[in-house]
Amino acid sequence: HLLLEALLLKWSQFHDGRDFFEFLMDSSKQLLGAGWIHVLNLLFAKKLEQQFETSGGDECDWYWINIVVDCTFGVGVTYILLQLSMRFVQSVIPEQADDFRTGEYRVNGITDAGKYVKQL
């Protein structure tokens, strides 16, 4: 509930010409990404706890370590991978490269859901 209110407040203050539907598409990509990394962190924490059970620590400890690494090192790696993937798309399919430009969903002023799907 609080998260939704925070997102609505953010949009009302900083929408920069983006309509609410575009804001929802941006937010949904962030929520899907956060959900995916949460699931991966849970799986890694379980596996690491099994792998290193004799050295102490439980799944919560490993989850915490994963989050800290992800929020520091992982963000930089993700940014680099995004930039590399954009260059790859530009070189392999330059005629579709604009479809993959993050946060851009419009074609001739009309929102194109296909661009959103490609960006997921």
Foldseek 3Di string as FASTA:
>chain_A
DVVVVVLVVCCVVDVPPPDPVLSVLLVVVVVVVVVVLLVVLQVVLQVVCVVPVVVDDHSVVSSVVSVVCCVPVVVVVVVVVLVVVLVVCCVPPVVCSVLQPPSDQDDPRDGHVSSSVNND
